[in-house]
Amino acid sequence: MSAPAGTIHDLGYKRYAGTRRSSGTRWLVVMRNQVASSWKTWWRYKSALGLAVITTFLAGGMMFILSDKVVRDFAGAAATTMADAALPKSIQWYTRAAFLVSLTIGARVVAGDVQSGAFTFYFARSVRPRDYVIGKIAGMALLMTLINLAGPVVLALSRLGLSQSTDDLLATIHLVPKAIAVGLLGTLVFATVPVAFSALLSNGRYAMALWAAYYLVFGFMVSQIGRAANSWVGALDLATALDAIALNLFDLHLFTGRAGRLDPQIALASVCAHIVVAAVIVYVQVRRAHGSGVGGAS
């Protein structure tokens, strides 16, 4: 007797019996994907990482080879050795490397997912907006750690290696936590602020252009205004603010450029404000996109 029409045959479906992870770990999946996708091409991340490595070797080389060379200010009233000046003055180069990563990756994080349709994939998989935001920012922070944090810590440890005695070692051991502090600030800045610009625009190229304009053009303008008027406005330039914090942390006040004239407390307040506002913008924009149907899951 022939089987009636419309019979559903067993195609071998088997109930999932694998490991079931807590919903609180979903952001880890987003973070791993962010890091893996950023590592694929050399020009997006590896070139900037190479610049950070070169900076570390050059600063470390000057620290060892020219350790006794005296660096003076323009008036000749203040001086320090190259061993003490190499680390804080290298921060600006780590900042430049971090900006390259923020431009090629950070400014496209959210906008790129919107353009490629990845939002639909994420939220169709029951990824909550906060999972997405935490995962993306954590992924960016991990990438930035190798650029903003690893290099300064290596240089701080190298400076400890130049100690001639136990007393000298104890007198310079404070450089390590200071290097960690300034490195973490730079990491958080470039892991959040460019992502906020990415969340504001759905087009990746426009987001990159807007972030570049804010960081380079707006930053240069406000730093010049702050320097000419001796005003706090210069702290709105992230590069100058980070440099000012580094010079103050390492007691290197003999440099009187844009960063040397900026109040470090105002610079720190500006950096912290940028980080908080950027994180809020990312979360609000992602939640709004999720609620308006971009991603579709409820």
C-alpha atoms as a PDB file:
ATOM      1  CA  MET A   1       0.000   0.000   0.000  1.00  0.00           C
ATOM      2  CA  SER A   2       1.463   3.346  -1.057  1.00  0.00           C
ATOM      3  CA  ALA A   3       2.125   6.051   1.521  1.00  0.00           C
ATOM      4  CA  PRO A   4      -0.478   8.817   1.500  1.00  0.00           C
ATOM      5  CA  ALA A   5       0.502  12.162   0.045  1.00  0.00           C
ATOM      6  CA  GLY A   6       1.878  14.715   2.490  1.00  0.00           C
ATOM      7  CA  THR A   7       3.673  12.259   4.759  1.00  0.00           C
ATOM      8  CA  ILE A   8       6.515  13.863   6.732  1.00  0.00           C
ATOM      9  CA  HIS A   9       9.519  11.581   6.924  1.00  0.00           C
ATOM     10  CA  ASP A  10      12.123  11.692   9.702  1.00  0.00           C
ATOM     11  CA  LEU A  11      15.171  13.451   8.224  1.00  0.00           C
ATOM     12  CA  GLY A  12      17.440  12.574  11.122  1.00  0.00           C
ATOM     13  CA  TYR A  13      16.822  15.618  13.344  1.00  0.00           C
ATOM     14  CA  LYS A  14      18.376  15.193  16.753  1.00  0.00           C
ATOM     15  CA  ARG A  15      17.879  17.411  19.768  1.00  0.00           C
ATOM     16  CA  TYR A  16      20.904  19.579  20.649  1.00  0.00           C
ATOM     17  CA  ALA A  17      22.871  17.900  23.409  1.00  0.00           C
ATOM     18  CA  GLY A  18      25.904  20.213  23.578  1.00  0.00           C
ATOM     19  CA  THR A  19      27.020  22.628  26.249  1.00  0.00           C
ATOM     20  CA  ARG A  20      24.483  25.290  27.151  1.00  0.00           C
ATOM     21  CA  ARG A  21      26.127  28.511  28.191  1.00  0.00           C
ATOM     22  CA  SER A  22      24.669  31.274  30.317  1.00  0.00           C
ATOM     23  CA  SER A  23      23.145  34.255  28.517  1.00  0.00           C
ATOM     24  CA  GLY A  24      25.608  36.406  30.428  1.00  0.00           C
ATOM     25  CA  THR A  25      28.462  35.095  28.264  1.00  0.00           C
ATOM     26  CA  ARG A  26      26.971  36.162  24.932  1.00  0.00           C
ATOM     27  CA  TRP A  27      29.136  39.280  24.893  1.00  0.00           C
ATOM     28  CA  LEU A  28      32.218  37.047  24.825  1.00  0.00           C
ATOM     29  CA  VAL A  29      31.124  35.649  21.463  1.00  0.00           C
ATOM     30  CA  VAL A  30      30.733  39.190  20.109  1.00  0.00           C
ATOM     31  CA  MET A  31      34.128  40.152  21.501  1.00  0.00           C
ATOM     32  CA  ARG A  32      35.884  37.148  19.948  1.00  0.00           C
ATOM     33  CA  ASN A  33      34.297  37.881  16.587  1.00  0.00           C
ATOM     34  CA  GLN A  34      35.387  41.519  16.804  1.00  0.00           C
ATOM     35  CA  VAL A  35      38.999  40.579  17.533  1.00  0.00           C
ATOM     36  CA  ALA A  36      39.109  37.822  14.900  1.00  0.00           C
ATOM     37  CA  SER A  37      37.682  40.015  12.126  1.00  0.00           C
ATOM     38  CA  SER A  38      40.049  42.877  13.005  1.00  0.00           C
ATOM     39  CA  TRP A  39      43.119  40.641  12.840  1.00  0.00           C
ATOM     40  CA  LYS A  40      42.469  39.310   9.329  1.00  0.00           C
ATOM     41  CA  THR A  41      44.053  42.026   7.175  1.00  0.00           C
ATOM     42  CA  TRP A  42      47.433  43.636   7.868  1.00  0.00           C
ATOM     43  CA  TRP A  43      46.392  47.206   7.087  1.00  0.00           C
ATOM     44  CA  ARG A  44      43.488  47.336   9.545  1.00  0.00           C
ATOM     45  CA  TYR A  45      45.350  46.416  12.718  1.00  0.00           C
ATOM     46  CA  LYS A  46      48.701  44.755  12.172  1.00  0.00           C
ATOM     47  CA  SER A  47      50.302  47.839  10.593  1.00  0.00           C
ATOM     48  CA  ALA A  48      49.365  50.004  13.584  1.00  0.00           C
ATOM     49  CA  LEU A  49      50.586  47.284  15.953  1.00  0.00           C
ATOM     50  CA  GLY A  50      53.860  47.290  14.038  1.00  0.00           C
ATOM     51  CA  LEU A  51      54.141  51.049  14.592  1.00  0.00           C
ATOM     52  CA  ALA A  52      53.620  50.524  18.335  1.00  0.00           C
ATOM     53  CA  VAL A  53      56.313  47.823  18.377  1.00  0.00           C
ATOM     54  CA  ILE A  54      58.748  50.098  16.516  1.00  0.00           C
ATOM     55  CA  THR A  55      57.995  52.893  18.987  1.00  0.00           C
ATOM     56  CA  THR A  56      58.764  50.561  21.892  1.00  0.00           C
ATOM     57  CA  PHE A  57      62.085  49.465  20.407  1.00  0.00           C
ATOM     58  CA  LEU A  58      63.166  53.013  19.519  1.00  0.00           C
ATOM     59  CA  ALA A  59      62.176  54.466  22.896  1.00  0.00           C
ATOM     60  CA  GLY A  60      63.787  51.532  24.682  1.00  0.00           C
ATOM     61  CA  GLY A  61      66.944  51.916  22.618  1.00  0.00           C
ATOM     62  CA  MET A  62      67.234  55.608  23.452  1.00  0.00           C
ATOM     63  CA  MET A  63      66.543  54.782  27.085  1.00  0.00           C
ATOM     64  CA  PHE A  64      69.483  52.352  27.223  1.00  0.00           C
ATOM     65  CA  ILE A  65      71.968  53.919  24.797  1.00  0.00           C
ATOM     66  CA  LEU A  66      71.374  57.582  25.708  1.00  0.00           C
ATOM     67  CA  SER A  67      70.372  57.011  29.317  1.00  0.00           C
ATOM     68  CA  ASP A  68      72.760  59.685  30.667  1.00  0.00           C
ATOM     69  CA  LYS A  69      72.004  62.281  28.001  1.00  0.00           C
ATOM     70  CA  VAL A  70      70.464  65.387  29.558  1.00  0.00           C
ATOM     71  CA  VAL A  71      67.350  66.880  28.004  1.00  0.00           C
ATOM     72  CA  ARG A  72      66.677  70.542  28.854  1.00  0.00           C
ATOM     73  CA  ASP A  73      63.787  72.913  28.304  1.00  0.00           C
ATOM     74  CA  PHE A  74      64.074  75.897  25.989  1.00  0.00           C
ATOM     75  CA  ALA A  75      65.119  78.229  28.798  1.00  0.00           C
ATOM     76  CA  GLY A  76      67.637  75.762  30.170  1.00  0.00           C
ATOM     77  CA  ALA A  77      66.119  76.025  33.643  1.00  0.00           C
ATOM     78  CA  ALA A  78      64.842  72.443  33.877  1.00  0.00           C
ATOM     79  CA  ALA A  79      66.456  69.220  32.837  1.00  0.00           C
ATOM     80  CA  THR A  80      66.014  65.457  32.936  1.00  0.00           C
ATOM     81  CA  THR A  81      67.772  62.427  31.512  1.00  0.00           C
ATOM     82  CA  MET A  82      66.755  60.569  28.395  1.00  0.00           C
ATOM     83  CA  ALA A  83      66.110  57.506  30.561  1.00  0.00           C
ATOM     84  CA  ASP A  84      63.320  59.380  32.319  1.00  0.00           C
ATOM     85  CA  ALA A  85      62.015  61.279  29.284  1.00  0.00           C
ATOM     86  CA  ALA A  86      61.754  58.405  26.787  1.00  0.00           C
ATOM     87  CA  LEU A  87      58.650  56.790  28.279  1.00  0.00           C
ATOM     88  CA  PRO A  88      56.352  59.831  28.683  1.00  0.00           C
ATOM     89  CA  LYS A  89      57.396  61.286  25.323  1.00  0.00           C
ATOM     90  CA  SER A  90      56.616  57.998  23.576  1.00  0.00           C
ATOM     91  CA  ILE A  91      52.938  58.184  24.620  1.00  0.00           C
ATOM     92  CA  GLN A  92      52.130  60.493  21.728  1.00  0.00           C
ATOM     93  CA  TRP A  93      53.380  57.852  19.279  1.00  0.00           C
ATOM     94  CA  TYR A  94      51.282  55.121  20.865  1.00  0.00           C
ATOM     95  CA  THR A  95      48.350  57.522  20.578  1.00  0.00           C
ATOM     96  CA  ARG A  96      49.002  57.937  16.857  1.00  0.00           C
ATOM     97  CA  ALA A  97      49.101  54.183  16.357  1.00  0.00           C
ATOM     98  CA  ALA A  98      45.844  53.841  18.302  1.00  0.00           C
ATOM     99  CA  PHE A  99      44.214  56.490  16.110  1.00  0.00           C
ATOM    100  CA  LEU A 100      45.071  54.468  13.001  1.00  0.00           C
ATOM    101  CA  VAL A 101      43.274  51.459  14.482  1.00  0.00           C
ATOM    102  CA  SER A 102      40.327  53.599  15.553  1.00  0.00           C
ATOM    103  CA  LEU A 103      40.031  54.959  12.021  1.00  0.00           C
ATOM    104  CA  THR A 104      40.221  51.642  10.168  1.00  0.00           C
ATOM    105  CA  ILE A 105      38.299  49.528  12.699  1.00  0.00           C
ATOM    106  CA  GLY A 106      36.680  51.501  15.534  1.00  0.00           C
ATOM    107  CA  ALA A 107      34.847  54.010  13.361  1.00  0.00           C
ATOM    108  CA  ARG A 108      33.283  51.158  11.361  1.00  0.00           C
ATOM    109  CA  VAL A 109      32.254  48.783  14.156  1.00  0.00           C
ATOM    110  CA  VAL A 110      28.527  49.540  14.373  1.00  0.00           C
ATOM    111  CA  ALA A 111      28.089  51.189  10.978  1.00  0.00           C
ATOM    112  CA  GLY A 112      29.751  48.231   9.274  1.00  0.00           C
ATOM    113  CA  ASP A 113      27.393  45.782  10.976  1.00  0.00           C
ATOM    114  CA  VAL A 114      24.383  47.836   9.881  1.00  0.00           C
ATOM    115  CA  GLN A 115      25.597  47.971   6.271  1.00  0.00           C
ATOM    116  CA  SER A 116      26.477  44.277   6.071  1.00  0.00           C
ATOM    117  CA  GLY A 117      23.284  43.113   7.745  1.00  0.00           C
ATOM    118  CA  ALA A 118      25.150  41.683  10.741  1.00  0.00           C
ATOM    119  CA  PHE A 119      22.690  43.393  13.072  1.00  0.00           C
ATOM    120  CA  THR A 120      20.030  41.002  11.849  1.00  0.00           C
ATOM    121  CA  PHE A 121      22.290  38.054  12.614  1.00  0.00           C
ATOM    122  CA  TYR A 122      23.203  39.260  16.095  1.00  0.00           C
ATOM    123  CA  PHE A 123      19.711  40.101  17.286  1.00  0.00           C
ATOM    124  CA  ALA A 124      18.078  37.143  15.579  1.00  0.00           C
ATOM    125  CA  ARG A 125      20.326  35.048  17.811  1.00  0.00           C
ATOM    126  CA  SER A 126      18.816  36.655  20.912  1.00  0.00           C
ATOM    127  CA  VAL A 127      21.838  38.872  21.533  1.00  0.00           C
ATOM    128  CA  ARG A 128      20.686  41.721  23.725  1.00  0.00           C
ATOM    129  CA  PRO A 129      21.785  45.315  22.995  1.00  0.00           C
ATOM    130  CA  ARG A 130      23.970  45.364  26.102  1.00  0.00           C
ATOM    131  CA  ASP A 131      25.635  42.093  25.035  1.00  0.00           C
ATOM    132  CA  TYR A 132      26.427  43.632  21.681  1.00  0.00           C
ATOM    133  CA  VAL A 133      27.738  46.899  23.151  1.00  0.00           C
ATOM    134  CA  ILE A 134      29.857  45.234  25.839  1.00  0.00           C
ATOM    135  CA  GLY A 135      31.229  42.706  23.365  1.00  0.00           C
ATOM    136  CA  LYS A 136      32.185  45.269  20.745  1.00  0.00           C
ATOM    137  CA  ILE A 137      33.781  47.688  23.223  1.00  0.00           C
ATOM    138  CA  ALA A 138      35.578  44.843  25.009  1.00  0.00           C
ATOM    139  CA  GLY A 139      36.918  43.621  21.667  1.00  0.00           C
ATOM    140  CA  MET A 140      38.173  47.089  20.803  1.00  0.00           C
ATOM    141  CA  ALA A 141      39.677  47.438  24.286  1.00  0.00           C
ATOM    142  CA  LEU A 142      41.563  44.160  23.865  1.00  0.00           C
ATOM    143  CA  LEU A 143      42.963  45.336  20.544  1.00  0.00           C
ATOM    144  CA  MET A 144      43.932  48.723  21.968  1.00  0.00           C
ATOM    145  CA  THR A 145      45.589  47.147  25.004  1.00  0.00           C
ATOM    146  CA  LEU A 146      48.377  45.760  22.815  1.00  0.00           C
ATOM    147  CA  ILE A 147      49.011  49.258  21.471  1.00  0.00           C
ATOM    148  CA  ASN A 148      48.304  51.703  24.304  1.00  0.00           C
ATOM    149  CA  LEU A 149      49.143  49.593  27.346  1.00  0.00           C
ATOM    150  CA  ALA A 150      51.701  46.918  26.486  1.00  0.00           C
ATOM    151  CA  GLY A 151      54.345  49.294  25.124  1.00  0.00           C
ATOM    152  CA  PRO A 152      54.394  51.764  28.056  1.00  0.00           C
ATOM    153  CA  VAL A 153      54.516  48.901  30.566  1.00  0.00           C
ATOM    154  CA  VAL A 154      57.481  47.331  28.735  1.00  0.00           C
ATOM    155  CA  LEU A 155      59.274  50.700  28.762  1.00  0.00           C
ATOM    156  CA  ALA A 156      58.533  51.173  32.469  1.00  0.00           C
ATOM    157  CA  LEU A 157      60.009  47.760  33.235  1.00  0.00           C
ATOM    158  CA  SER A 158      63.005  48.603  31.055  1.00  0.00           C
ATOM    159  CA  ARG A 159      63.545  51.766  33.070  1.00  0.00           C
ATOM    160  CA  LEU A 160      63.575  49.665  36.225  1.00  0.00           C
ATOM    161  CA  GLY A 161      66.276  47.556  34.627  1.00  0.00           C
ATOM    162  CA  LEU A 162      68.549  50.600  34.508  1.00  0.00           C
ATOM    163  CA  SER A 163      68.503  50.918  38.275  1.00  0.00           C
ATOM    164  CA  GLN A 164      71.997  50.842  39.774  1.00  0.00           C
ATOM    165  CA  SER A 165      70.938  49.852  43.280  1.00  0.00           C
ATOM    166  CA  THR A 166      68.005  48.663  45.345  1.00  0.00           C
ATOM    167  CA  ASP A 167      67.305  52.218  46.468  1.00  0.00           C
ATOM    168  CA  ASP A 168      67.251  53.377  42.858  1.00  0.00           C
ATOM    169  CA  LEU A 169      64.880  50.525  41.999  1.00  0.00           C
ATOM    170  CA  LEU A 170      62.498  51.424  44.810  1.00  0.00           C
ATOM    171  CA  ALA A 171      62.627  55.077  43.762  1.00  0.00           C
ATOM    172  CA  THR A 172      61.515  54.289  40.204  1.00  0.00           C
ATOM    173  CA  ILE A 173      59.104  51.393  40.767  1.00  0.00           C
ATOM    174  CA  HIS A 174      56.213  53.878  40.752  1.00  0.00           C
ATOM    175  CA  LEU A 175      56.703  54.158  36.973  1.00  0.00           C
ATOM    176  CA  VAL A 176      54.949  50.822  36.423  1.00  0.00           C
ATOM    177  CA  PRO A 177      51.517  51.755  37.879  1.00  0.00           C
ATOM    178  CA  LYS A 178      51.789  55.151  36.173  1.00  0.00           C
ATOM    179  CA  ALA A 179      52.429  53.473  32.828  1.00  0.00           C
ATOM    180  CA  ILE A 180      49.442  51.193  33.435  1.00  0.00           C
ATOM    181  CA  ALA A 181      47.243  54.179  34.306  1.00  0.00           C
ATOM    182  CA  VAL A 182      48.063  56.235  31.225  1.00  0.00           C
ATOM    183  CA  GLY A 183      47.873  53.120  29.048  1.00  0.00           C
ATOM    184  CA  LEU A 184      44.410  52.231  30.337  1.00  0.00           C
ATOM    185  CA  LEU A 185      43.165  55.766  29.707  1.00  0.00           C
ATOM    186  CA  GLY A 186      44.353  55.637  26.109  1.00  0.00           C
ATOM    187  CA  THR A 187      42.858  52.173  25.691  1.00  0.00           C
ATOM    188  CA  LEU A 188      39.430  53.261  26.951  1.00  0.00           C
ATOM    189  CA  VAL A 189      39.428  56.422  24.839  1.00  0.00           C
ATOM    190  CA  PHE A 190      40.117  54.670  21.556  1.00  0.00           C
ATOM    191  CA  ALA A 191      37.892  51.709  22.421  1.00  0.00           C
ATOM    192  CA  THR A 192      34.805  53.884  22.974  1.00  0.00           C
ATOM    193  CA  VAL A 193      34.921  57.299  21.262  1.00  0.00           C
ATOM    194  CA  PRO A 194      35.379  56.111  17.636  1.00  0.00           C
ATOM    195  CA  VAL A 195      32.727  53.430  18.203  1.00  0.00           C
ATOM    196  CA  ALA A 196      30.331  56.189  19.264  1.00  0.00           C
ATOM    197  CA  PHE A 197      30.876  57.966  15.940  1.00  0.00           C
ATOM    198  CA  SER A 198      30.269  54.617  14.238  1.00  0.00           C
ATOM    199  CA  ALA A 199      26.952  54.306  16.064  1.00  0.00           C
ATOM    200  CA  LEU A 200      25.830  57.789  15.038  1.00  0.00           C
ATOM    201  CA  LEU A 201      25.995  57.060  11.291  1.00  0.00           C
ATOM    202  CA  SER A 202      24.903  53.950   9.420  1.00  0.00           C
ATOM    203  CA  ASN A 203      27.455  54.494   6.642  1.00  0.00           C
ATOM    204  CA  GLY A 204      30.949  53.310   7.531  1.00  0.00           C
ATOM    205  CA  ARG A 205      32.775  55.793   5.297  1.00  0.00           C
ATOM    206  CA  TYR A 206      30.833  58.740   6.664  1.00  0.00           C
ATOM    207  CA  ALA A 207      31.510  57.570  10.219  1.00  0.00           C
ATOM    208  CA  MET A 208      35.240  57.353   9.466  1.00  0.00           C
ATOM    209  CA  ALA A 209      35.232  60.824   7.945  1.00  0.00           C
ATOM    210  CA  LEU A 210      33.333  62.296  10.900  1.00  0.00           C
ATOM    211  CA  TRP A 211      35.687  60.709  13.451  1.00  0.00           C
ATOM    212  CA  ALA A 212      38.764  61.856  11.498  1.00  0.00           C
ATOM    213  CA  ALA A 213      37.361  65.394  11.301  1.00  0.00           C
ATOM    214  CA  TYR A 214      36.640  65.452  15.025  1.00  0.00           C
ATOM    215  CA  TYR A 215      39.999  64.047  16.068  1.00  0.00           C
ATOM    216  CA  LEU A 216      42.257  65.841  13.587  1.00  0.00           C
ATOM    217  CA  VAL A 217      40.527  69.058  12.514  1.00  0.00           C
ATOM    218  CA  PHE A 218      38.429  69.887  15.578  1.00  0.00           C
ATOM    219  CA  GLY A 219      41.165  68.657  17.909  1.00  0.00           C
ATOM    220  CA  PHE A 220      43.798  70.850  16.239  1.00  0.00           C
ATOM    221  CA  MET A 221      41.533  73.901  16.330  1.00  0.00           C
ATOM    222  CA  VAL A 222      40.624  73.645  20.010  1.00  0.00           C
ATOM    223  CA  SER A 223      44.215  72.868  21.013  1.00  0.00           C
ATOM    224  CA  GLN A 224      45.421  76.010  19.227  1.00  0.00           C
ATOM    225  CA  ILE A 225      42.654  78.086  20.791  1.00  0.00           C
ATOM    226  CA  GLY A 226      43.480  76.693  24.225  1.00  0.00           C
ATOM    227  CA  ARG A 227      47.168  77.415  23.784  1.00  0.00           C
ATOM    228  CA  ALA A 228      46.615  80.979  22.506  1.00  0.00           C
ATOM    229  CA  ALA A 229      44.035  81.863  25.151  1.00  0.00           C
ATOM    230  CA  ASN A 230      45.537  79.710  27.904  1.00  0.00           C
ATOM    231  CA  SER A 231      42.097  78.104  28.212  1.00  0.00           C
ATOM    232  CA  TRP A 232      40.700  74.709  29.196  1.00  0.00           C
ATOM    233  CA  VAL A 233      39.263  74.386  25.687  1.00  0.00           C
ATOM    234  CA  GLY A 234      42.481  72.705  24.603  1.00  0.00           C
ATOM    235  CA  ALA A 235      41.543  69.684  26.740  1.00  0.00           C
ATOM    236  CA  LEU A 236      38.875  68.787  24.179  1.00  0.00           C
ATOM    237  CA  ASP A 237      41.693  67.619  21.920  1.00  0.00           C
ATOM    238  CA  LEU A 238      42.105  63.992  22.977  1.00  0.00           C
ATOM    239  CA  ALA A 239      45.703  63.702  21.797  1.00  0.00           C
ATOM    240  CA  THR A 240      46.772  66.789  23.726  1.00  0.00           C
ATOM    241  CA  ALA A 241      44.807  65.711  26.813  1.00  0.00           C
ATOM    242  CA  LEU A 242      46.438  62.256  26.899  1.00  0.00           C
ATOM    243  CA  ASP A 243      49.878  63.776  26.374  1.00  0.00           C
ATOM    244  CA  ALA A 244      49.293  66.280  29.189  1.00  0.00           C
ATOM    245  CA  ILE A 245      48.233  63.510  31.566  1.00  0.00           C
ATOM    246  CA  ALA A 246      51.346  61.482  30.712  1.00  0.00           C
ATOM    247  CA  LEU A 247      53.704  64.447  31.229  1.00  0.00           C
ATOM    248  CA  ASN A 248      52.115  65.191  34.597  1.00  0.00           C
ATOM    249  CA  LEU A 249      52.140  61.571  35.771  1.00  0.00           C
ATOM    250  CA  PHE A 250      55.839  61.243  35.042  1.00  0.00           C
ATOM    251  CA  ASP A 251      56.695  64.723  36.391  1.00  0.00           C
ATOM    252  CA  LEU A 252      58.044  65.841  33.037  1.00  0.00           C
ATOM    253  CA  HIS A 253      57.073  69.517  33.060  1.00  0.00           C
ATOM    254  CA  LEU A 254      59.963  70.925  31.057  1.00  0.00           C
ATOM    255  CA  PHE A 255      58.156  70.560  27.726  1.00  0.00           C
ATOM    256  CA  THR A 256      56.082  73.696  27.123  1.00  0.00           C
ATOM    257  CA  GLY A 257      54.180  72.689  23.995  1.00  0.00           C
ATOM    258  CA  ARG A 258      50.420  72.335  23.723  1.00  0.00           C
ATOM    259  CA  ALA A 259      50.309  69.529  26.277  1.00  0.00           C
ATOM    260  CA  GLY A 260      52.796  71.120  28.654  1.00  0.00           C
ATOM    261  CA  ARG A 261      50.562  74.165  29.180  1.00  0.00           C
ATOM    262  CA  LEU A 262      47.369  72.226  29.792  1.00  0.00           C
ATOM    263  CA  ASP A 263      46.045  71.637  33.300  1.00  0.00           C
ATOM    264  CA  PRO A 264      46.304  67.844  33.795  1.00  0.00           C
ATOM    265  CA  GLN A 265      43.182  67.732  35.982  1.00  0.00           C
ATOM    266  CA  ILE A 266      41.116  69.361  33.240  1.00  0.00           C
ATOM    267  CA  ALA A 267      42.701  66.998  30.716  1.00  0.00           C
ATOM    268  CA  LEU A 268      41.720  63.997  32.853  1.00  0.00           C
ATOM    269  CA  ALA A 269      38.164  65.301  33.219  1.00  0.00           C
ATOM    270  CA  SER A 270      37.909  65.729  29.447  1.00  0.00           C
ATOM    271  CA  VAL A 271      39.170  62.198  28.775  1.00  0.00           C
ATOM    272  CA  CYS A 272      36.781  60.660  31.322  1.00  0.00           C
ATOM    273  CA  ALA A 273      33.858  62.680  29.943  1.00  0.00           C
ATOM    274  CA  HIS A 274      34.633  61.507  26.404  1.00  0.00           C
ATOM    275  CA  ILE A 275      34.670  57.873  27.554  1.00  0.00           C
ATOM    276  CA  VAL A 276      31.378  58.067  29.477  1.00  0.00           C
ATOM    277  CA  VAL A 277      29.503  60.034  26.810  1.00  0.00           C
ATOM    278  CA  ALA A 278      30.764  57.717  24.069  1.00  0.00           C
ATOM    279  CA  ALA A 279      29.632  54.584  25.925  1.00  0.00           C
ATOM    280  CA  VAL A 280      26.182  56.093  26.506  1.00  0.00           C
ATOM    281  CA  ILE A 281      25.847  57.073  22.838  1.00  0.00           C
ATOM    282  CA  VAL A 282      26.742  53.557  21.669  1.00  0.00           C
ATOM    283  CA  TYR A 283      24.252  51.910  24.005  1.00  0.00           C
ATOM    284  CA  VAL A 284      21.414  54.336  23.196  1.00  0.00           C
ATOM    285  CA  GLN A 285      21.940  54.055  19.440  1.00  0.00           C
ATOM    286  CA  VAL A 286      22.166  50.254  19.455  1.00  0.00           C
ATOM    287  CA  ARG A 287      19.108  49.937  21.675  1.00  0.00           C
ATOM    288  CA  ARG A 288      17.178  52.331  19.434  1.00  0.00           C
ATOM    289  CA  ALA A 289      18.134  50.343  16.337  1.00  0.00           C
ATOM    290  CA  HIS A 290      17.135  47.117  18.058  1.00  0.00           C
ATOM    291  CA  GLY A 291      13.787  48.535  19.136  1.00  0.00           C
ATOM    292  CA  SER A 292      13.003  50.006  15.723  1.00  0.00           C
ATOM    293  CA  GLY A 293      13.338  46.657  14.015  1.00  0.00           C
ATOM    294  CA  VAL A 294      16.958  46.655  12.859  1.00  0.00           C
ATOM    295  CA  GLY A 295      17.694  43.094  13.825  1.00  0.00           C
ATOM    296  CA  GLY A 296      14.118  42.075  14.199  1.00  0.00           C
ATOM    297  CA  ALA A 297      14.336  40.109  17.443  1.00  0.00           C
ATOM    298  CA  SER A 298      12.246  41.120  20.414  1.00  0.00           C
END
